C-alpha atoms as a PDB file:
ATOM      1  CA  MET A   1      68.695  61.736  59.316  1.00  0.00           C
ATOM      2  CA  THR A   2      71.118  64.578  60.036  1.00  0.00           C
ATOM      3  CA  THR A   3      70.311  66.244  56.708  1.00  0.00           C
ATOM      4  CA  GLY A   4      66.597  66.089  57.522  1.00  0.00           C
ATOM      5  CA  ILE A   5      67.135  67.777  60.884  1.00  0.00           C
ATOM      6  CA  ARG A   6      69.270  70.497  59.330  1.00  0.00           C
ATOM      7  CA  THR A   7      66.685  71.094  56.617  1.00  0.00           C
ATOM      8  CA  PHE A   8      63.908  71.225  59.207  1.00  0.00           C
ATOM      9  CA  PHE A   9      65.680  73.803  61.362  1.00  0.00           C
ATOM     10  CA  ARG A  10      66.695  75.916  58.366  1.00  0.00           C
ATOM     11  CA  SER A  11      63.132  76.002  57.088  1.00  0.00           C
ATOM     12  CA  PHE A  12      61.758  76.554  60.612  1.00  0.00           C
ATOM     13  CA  LEU A  13      64.092  79.472  61.282  1.00  0.00           C
ATOM     14  CA  GLY A  14      63.513  80.913  57.830  1.00  0.00           C
ATOM     15  CA  GLY A  15      67.101  80.518  56.731  1.00  0.00           C
ATOM     16  CA  ASN A  16      68.130  79.679  53.243  1.00  0.00           C
ATOM     17  CA  SER A  17      69.985  76.533  52.381  1.00  0.00           C
ATOM     18  CA  GLU A  18      73.162  78.312  51.277  1.00  0.00           C
ATOM     19  CA  ARG A  19      76.203  77.087  53.039  1.00  0.00           C
ATOM     20  CA  ILE A  20      79.040  79.314  54.132  1.00  0.00           C
ATOM     21  CA  GLU A  21      82.346  77.566  54.650  1.00  0.00           C
ATOM     22  CA  ILE A  22      85.415  79.153  56.110  1.00  0.00           C
ATOM     23  CA  SER A  23      88.635  77.387  55.433  1.00  0.00           C
ATOM     24  CA  SER A  24      90.767  76.876  58.494  1.00  0.00           C
ATOM     25  CA  ALA A  25      93.807  77.505  56.270  1.00  0.00           C
ATOM     26  CA  GLU A  26      92.766  81.165  56.089  1.00  0.00           C
ATOM     27  CA  TYR A  27      93.013  81.510  59.849  1.00  0.00           C
ATOM     28  CA  ALA A  28      95.702  78.919  60.588  1.00  0.00           C
ATOM     29  CA  GLU A  29      98.209  81.504  61.804  1.00  0.00           C
ATOM     30  CA  GLU A  30      95.695  83.181  64.124  1.00  0.00           C
ATOM     31  CA  ILE A  31      94.513  79.829  65.489  1.00  0.00           C
ATOM     32  CA  GLU A  32      98.098  78.735  66.117  1.00  0.00           C
ATOM     33  CA  SER A  33      98.936  82.031  67.822  1.00  0.00           C
ATOM     34  CA  ALA A  34      95.854  81.828  70.060  1.00  0.00           C
ATOM     35  CA  ALA A  35      96.678  78.234  71.005  1.00  0.00           C
ATOM     36  CA  ILE A  36     100.257  79.166  71.910  1.00  0.00           C
ATOM     37  CA  GLU A  37      99.060  82.115  74.016  1.00  0.00           C
ATOM     38  CA  ALA A  38      96.504  79.929  75.815  1.00  0.00           C
ATOM     39  CA  TYR A  39      99.158  77.298  76.534  1.00  0.00           C
ATOM     40  CA  ALA A  40     101.628  79.909  77.812  1.00  0.00           C
ATOM     41  CA  LEU A  41      98.978  81.526  80.012  1.00  0.00           C
ATOM     42  CA  THR A  42      97.926  78.175  81.462  1.00  0.00           C
ATOM     43  CA  THR A  43     101.551  77.234  82.143  1.00  0.00           C
ATOM     44  CA  VAL A  44     102.277  80.509  83.952  1.00  0.00           C
ATOM     45  CA  ILE A  45      99.080  80.266  85.999  1.00  0.00           C
ATOM     46  CA  ASP A  46      99.936  76.680  86.971  1.00  0.00           C
ATOM     47  CA  LEU A  47     103.389  77.787  88.169  1.00  0.00           C
ATOM     48  CA  ILE A  48     101.891  80.613  90.238  1.00  0.00           C
ATOM     49  CA  VAL A  49      99.218  78.319  91.669  1.00  0.00           C
ATOM     50  CA  LYS A  50     101.755  75.661  92.673  1.00  0.00           C
ATOM     51  CA  MET A  51     103.854  78.297  94.427  1.00  0.00           C
ATOM     52  CA  LEU A  52     100.884  79.776  96.298  1.00  0.00           C
ATOM     53  CA  ALA A  53      99.415  76.375  97.216  1.00  0.00           C
ATOM     54  CA  SER A  54     102.677  75.305  98.841  1.00  0.00           C
ATOM     55  CA  CYS A  55     102.648  78.260 101.239  1.00  0.00           C
ATOM     56  CA  GLU A  56     101.701  77.771 104.870  1.00  0.00           C
ATOM     57  CA  LEU A  57      98.873  79.908 106.176  1.00  0.00           C
ATOM     58  CA  LYS A  58      99.675  81.211 109.641  1.00  0.00           C
ATOM     59  CA  VAL A  59      97.137  81.835 112.372  1.00  0.00           C
ATOM     60  CA  PHE A  60      97.865  84.454 115.016  1.00  0.00           C
ATOM     61  CA  ASP A  61      96.516  84.829 118.534  1.00  0.00           C
ATOM     62  CA  ASN A  62      97.656  87.887 120.497  1.00  0.00           C
ATOM     63  CA  ASN A  63     100.266  88.613 117.809  1.00  0.00           C
ATOM     64  CA  LYS A  64     101.829  85.157 118.233  1.00  0.00           C
ATOM     65  CA  PRO A  65     101.608  82.371 115.670  1.00  0.00           C
ATOM     66  CA  VAL A  66      99.629  79.399 116.944  1.00  0.00           C
ATOM     67  CA  LYS A  67      98.820  75.960 115.571  1.00  0.00           C
ATOM     68  CA  ASN A  68      95.247  75.478 116.643  1.00  0.00           C
ATOM     69  CA  MET A  69      92.198  73.923 114.963  1.00  0.00           C
ATOM     70  CA  THR A  70      91.914  76.857 112.544  1.00  0.00           C
ATOM     71  CA  TRP A  71      95.531  76.348 111.472  1.00  0.00           C
ATOM     72  CA  TYR A  72      94.864  72.624 111.039  1.00  0.00           C
ATOM     73  CA  ARG A  73      91.782  73.275 108.900  1.00  0.00           C
ATOM     74  CA  LEU A  74      93.668  75.730 106.695  1.00  0.00           C
ATOM     75  CA  ASN A  75      96.938  73.836 106.283  1.00  0.00           C
ATOM     76  CA  VAL A  76      96.305  70.134 106.801  1.00  0.00           C
ATOM     77  CA  GLN A  77      92.751  69.228 105.893  1.00  0.00           C
ATOM     78  CA  PRO A  78      90.640  72.122 104.569  1.00  0.00           C
ATOM     79  CA  ASN A  79      88.437  69.652 102.681  1.00  0.00           C
ATOM     80  CA  ARG A  80      87.610  66.043 103.508  1.00  0.00           C
ATOM     81  CA  ASN A  81      88.022  64.952  99.888  1.00  0.00           C
ATOM     82  CA  GLN A  82      91.253  66.774  99.039  1.00  0.00           C
ATOM     83  CA  THR A  83      94.670  67.401 100.480  1.00  0.00           C
ATOM     84  CA  ALA A  84      95.496  70.950 101.483  1.00  0.00           C
ATOM     85  CA  SER A  85      97.651  71.379  98.380  1.00  0.00           C
ATOM     86  CA  GLU A  86      94.885  70.203  96.043  1.00  0.00           C
ATOM     87  CA  PHE A  87      92.310  72.399  97.768  1.00  0.00           C
ATOM     88  CA  TRP A  88      94.407  75.564  97.685  1.00  0.00           C
ATOM     89  CA  SER A  89      95.506  74.889  94.096  1.00  0.00           C
ATOM     90  CA  GLU A  90      91.864  74.791  93.070  1.00  0.00           C
ATOM     91  CA  VAL A  91      91.078  77.934  95.081  1.00  0.00           C
ATOM     92  CA  TRP A  92      93.955  79.937  93.609  1.00  0.00           C
ATOM     93  CA  LYS A  93      93.259  78.738  90.067  1.00  0.00           C
ATOM     94  CA  LYS A  94      89.596  79.760  90.279  1.00  0.00           C
ATOM     95  CA  LEU A  95      90.567  83.075  91.827  1.00  0.00           C
ATOM     96  CA  ILE A  96      93.025  83.837  89.022  1.00  0.00           C
ATOM     97  CA  PHE A  97      90.749  82.657  86.186  1.00  0.00           C
ATOM     98  CA  PHE A  98      87.421  84.029  87.402  1.00  0.00           C
ATOM     99  CA  GLY A  99      88.474  86.780  89.818  1.00  0.00           C
ATOM    100  CA  GLU A 100      86.374  85.348  92.639  1.00  0.00           C
ATOM    101  CA  VAL A 101      86.023  82.237  94.737  1.00  0.00           C
ATOM    102  CA  LEU A 102      83.593  81.106  97.410  1.00  0.00           C
ATOM    103  CA  ILE A 103      84.784  79.030 100.354  1.00  0.00           C
ATOM    104  CA  VAL A 104      82.141  77.806 102.766  1.00  0.00           C
ATOM    105  CA  PRO A 105      83.569  76.733 106.130  1.00  0.00           C
ATOM    106  CA  ARG A 106      82.411  73.540 107.754  1.00  0.00           C
ATOM    107  CA  TYR A 107      82.029  73.238 111.493  1.00  0.00           C
ATOM    108  CA  ASN A 108      82.029  69.991 113.437  1.00  0.00           C
END
């Protein structure tokens, strides 16, 4: 059945039935190098994220630190389904990987 589907799409798209195969042995060194770089990058980002997620966010009122509802929502329970550490880890990771993050506040 798979061969029939491939043949159908090749004939539909006007392609010929020649097959091009690239041996992974030709690019084994490049693949290994890319995998090592990806692993190293992920490890470094995870270390940075863990450090940033463990920081306390301070709230100031009249230049004095206060522990009000805003502080509680930032440091204790920013999300009903996650701990503060999990939430901020996800925020920092998305910010580092994608360069942007959207946080929508909830009000009770």
